[in-house]
């Protein structure tokens, strides 16, 4: 099992991690677990990582977001953008909860 952990974003001063992302890309759907705060300051990193996986041929993703906080409207926009990115590749994103 390839359980790669990638830090998806930082905001504020110092080394405080505000969003963590774990990816299991051994099979499809690819498991994507997000924990922390998703907002306009962290969304670009998430979209970039998923975009790279799509470029490598991945199409279907399952989002596990039980530890995810949508800090503001930007967090909701980020989820919608993630759904659109996967959909435009011909894939499907499951497990999305718009809160």
C-alpha atoms as a PDB file:
ATOM      1  CA  UNK A   1       0.000   0.000   0.000  1.00  0.00           C
ATOM      2  CA  UNK A   2       1.392   3.360  -1.017  1.00  0.00           C
ATOM      3  CA  UNK A   3       0.141   5.618   1.765  1.00  0.00           C
ATOM      4  CA  UNK A   4       1.824   8.852   0.764  1.00  0.00           C
ATOM      5  CA  UNK A   5       1.326  11.840   3.053  1.00  0.00           C
ATOM      6  CA  UNK A   6       1.613  15.273   1.537  1.00  0.00           C
ATOM      7  CA  UNK A   7       1.245  18.538   3.318  1.00  0.00           C
ATOM      8  CA  UNK A   8      -1.339  20.455   1.346  1.00  0.00           C
ATOM      9  CA  UNK A   9      -1.067  23.940   2.749  1.00  0.00           C
ATOM     10  CA  UNK A  10       0.163  26.387   5.366  1.00  0.00           C
ATOM     11  CA  UNK A  11      -1.131  29.735   6.487  1.00  0.00           C
ATOM     12  CA  UNK A  12      -0.019  32.223   9.103  1.00  0.00           C
ATOM     13  CA  UNK A  13       3.329  32.589  10.804  1.00  0.00           C
ATOM     14  CA  UNK A  14       5.642  29.714  11.645  1.00  0.00           C
ATOM     15  CA  UNK A  15       5.407  26.008  10.945  1.00  0.00           C
ATOM     16  CA  UNK A  16       1.692  25.540  11.711  1.00  0.00           C
ATOM     17  CA  UNK A  17       0.155  22.984   9.333  1.00  0.00           C
ATOM     18  CA  UNK A  18      -3.454  23.850   8.605  1.00  0.00           C
ATOM     19  CA  UNK A  19      -4.304  21.078   6.125  1.00  0.00           C
ATOM     20  CA  UNK A  20      -2.956  17.576   5.762  1.00  0.00           C
ATOM     21  CA  UNK A  21      -3.622  15.181   2.912  1.00  0.00           C
ATOM     22  CA  UNK A  22      -3.105  11.425   2.713  1.00  0.00           C
ATOM     23  CA  UNK A  23      -3.307   9.593  -0.600  1.00  0.00           C
ATOM     24  CA  UNK A  24      -3.614   5.869  -1.250  1.00  0.00           C
ATOM     25  CA  UNK A  25      -3.051   5.502  -4.990  1.00  0.00           C
ATOM     26  CA  UNK A  26      -2.696   1.704  -5.126  1.00  0.00           C
ATOM     27  CA  UNK A  27      -6.141   1.238  -6.659  1.00  0.00           C
ATOM     28  CA  UNK A  28      -9.091   3.193  -7.975  1.00  0.00           C
ATOM     29  CA  UNK A  29     -10.909   4.935  -6.656  1.00  0.00           C
ATOM     30  CA  UNK A  30      -7.884   6.674  -5.197  1.00  0.00           C
ATOM     31  CA  UNK A  31      -8.417   7.360  -1.522  1.00  0.00           C
ATOM     32  CA  UNK A  32      -7.923  11.020  -0.641  1.00  0.00           C
ATOM     33  CA  UNK A  33      -8.172  11.938   3.039  1.00  0.00           C
ATOM     34  CA  UNK A  34      -8.135  15.573   4.096  1.00  0.00           C
ATOM     35  CA  UNK A  35      -7.804  16.788   7.682  1.00  0.00           C
ATOM     36  CA  UNK A  36      -7.657  20.363   8.901  1.00  0.00           C
ATOM     37  CA  UNK A  37      -8.903  23.529   7.286  1.00  0.00           C
ATOM     38  CA  UNK A  38      -9.811  23.849   3.617  1.00  0.00           C
ATOM     39  CA  UNK A  39     -10.130  27.429   2.415  1.00  0.00           C
ATOM     40  CA  UNK A  40      -8.887  29.748  -0.343  1.00  0.00           C
ATOM     41  CA  UNK A  41      -5.347  29.613   1.038  1.00  0.00           C
ATOM     42  CA  UNK A  42      -5.080  25.803   0.912  1.00  0.00           C
ATOM     43  CA  UNK A  43      -7.225  24.871  -2.085  1.00  0.00           C
ATOM     44  CA  UNK A  44      -4.546  25.402  -4.741  1.00  0.00           C
ATOM     45  CA  UNK A  45      -2.283  22.752  -3.223  1.00  0.00           C
ATOM     46  CA  UNK A  46      -5.082  20.170  -3.109  1.00  0.00           C
ATOM     47  CA  UNK A  47      -6.086  20.906  -6.694  1.00  0.00           C
ATOM     48  CA  UNK A  48      -2.454  20.712  -7.804  1.00  0.00           C
ATOM     49  CA  UNK A  49      -1.882  17.292  -6.238  1.00  0.00           C
ATOM     50  CA  UNK A  50      -5.120  15.886  -7.671  1.00  0.00           C
ATOM     51  CA  UNK A  51      -4.262  17.439 -11.050  1.00  0.00           C
ATOM     52  CA  UNK A  52      -0.912  15.626 -11.011  1.00  0.00           C
ATOM     53  CA  UNK A  53      -2.640  12.323 -10.253  1.00  0.00           C
ATOM     54  CA  UNK A  54      -5.055  12.932 -13.132  1.00  0.00           C
ATOM     55  CA  UNK A  55      -2.112  13.692 -15.442  1.00  0.00           C
ATOM     56  CA  UNK A  56      -0.695  10.283 -14.433  1.00  0.00           C
ATOM     57  CA  UNK A  57      -3.948   8.587 -15.482  1.00  0.00           C
ATOM     58  CA  UNK A  58      -6.065   8.572 -12.325  1.00  0.00           C
ATOM     59  CA  UNK A  59      -9.739   9.302 -12.862  1.00  0.00           C
ATOM     60  CA  UNK A  60     -11.757   8.191  -9.831  1.00  0.00           C
ATOM     61  CA  UNK A  61     -11.301   9.464  -6.287  1.00  0.00           C
ATOM     62  CA  UNK A  62     -12.969   8.862  -2.947  1.00  0.00           C
ATOM     63  CA  UNK A  63     -12.761  11.798  -0.538  1.00  0.00           C
ATOM     64  CA  UNK A  64     -12.702  11.068   3.190  1.00  0.00           C
ATOM     65  CA  UNK A  65     -13.354  14.374   4.912  1.00  0.00           C
ATOM     66  CA  UNK A  66     -14.596  13.575   8.419  1.00  0.00           C
ATOM     67  CA  UNK A  67     -11.704  15.611   9.883  1.00  0.00           C
ATOM     68  CA  UNK A  68     -12.063  18.465   7.399  1.00  0.00           C
ATOM     69  CA  UNK A  69     -13.308  21.912   8.329  1.00  0.00           C
ATOM     70  CA  UNK A  70     -14.602  24.343   5.735  1.00  0.00           C
ATOM     71  CA  UNK A  71     -13.420  27.602   7.247  1.00  0.00           C
ATOM     72  CA  UNK A  72     -15.383  29.873   4.958  1.00  0.00           C
ATOM     73  CA  UNK A  73     -17.085  30.028   1.581  1.00  0.00           C
ATOM     74  CA  UNK A  74     -13.664  29.416   0.034  1.00  0.00           C
ATOM     75  CA  UNK A  75     -13.690  25.892   1.470  1.00  0.00           C
ATOM     76  CA  UNK A  76     -16.967  25.118  -0.248  1.00  0.00           C
ATOM     77  CA  UNK A  77     -15.650  26.645  -3.476  1.00  0.00           C
ATOM     78  CA  UNK A  78     -12.592  24.406  -3.186  1.00  0.00           C
ATOM     79  CA  UNK A  79     -14.762  21.274  -2.966  1.00  0.00           C
ATOM     80  CA  UNK A  80     -16.750  22.376  -6.007  1.00  0.00           C
ATOM     81  CA  UNK A  81     -13.508  23.075  -7.915  1.00  0.00           C
ATOM     82  CA  UNK A  82     -12.196  19.628  -6.946  1.00  0.00           C
ATOM     83  CA  UNK A  83     -15.389  17.980  -8.210  1.00  0.00           C
ATOM     84  CA  UNK A  84     -15.134  19.934 -11.474  1.00  0.00           C
ATOM     85  CA  UNK A  85     -11.470  19.032 -11.969  1.00  0.00           C
ATOM     86  CA  UNK A  86     -12.175  15.309 -11.566  1.00  0.00           C
ATOM     87  CA  UNK A  87     -15.363  15.465 -13.654  1.00  0.00           C
ATOM     88  CA  UNK A  88     -13.633  17.276 -16.526  1.00  0.00           C
ATOM     89  CA  UNK A  89     -11.091  14.443 -16.655  1.00  0.00           C
ATOM     90  CA  UNK A  90     -13.911  11.952 -17.174  1.00  0.00           C
ATOM     91  CA  UNK A  91     -13.715  10.718 -13.603  1.00  0.00           C
ATOM     92  CA  UNK A  92     -15.854  10.721 -10.501  1.00  0.00           C
ATOM     93  CA  UNK A  93     -15.335  12.088  -6.991  1.00  0.00           C
ATOM     94  CA  UNK A  94     -17.303  10.249  -4.318  1.00  0.00           C
ATOM     95  CA  UNK A  95     -17.677  10.923  -0.626  1.00  0.00           C
ATOM     96  CA  UNK A  96     -18.112  14.676  -1.019  1.00  0.00           C
ATOM     97  CA  UNK A  97     -20.154  16.348   1.700  1.00  0.00           C
ATOM     98  CA  UNK A  98     -20.881  20.025   1.113  1.00  0.00           C
ATOM     99  CA  UNK A  99     -21.648  20.481   4.797  1.00  0.00           C
END
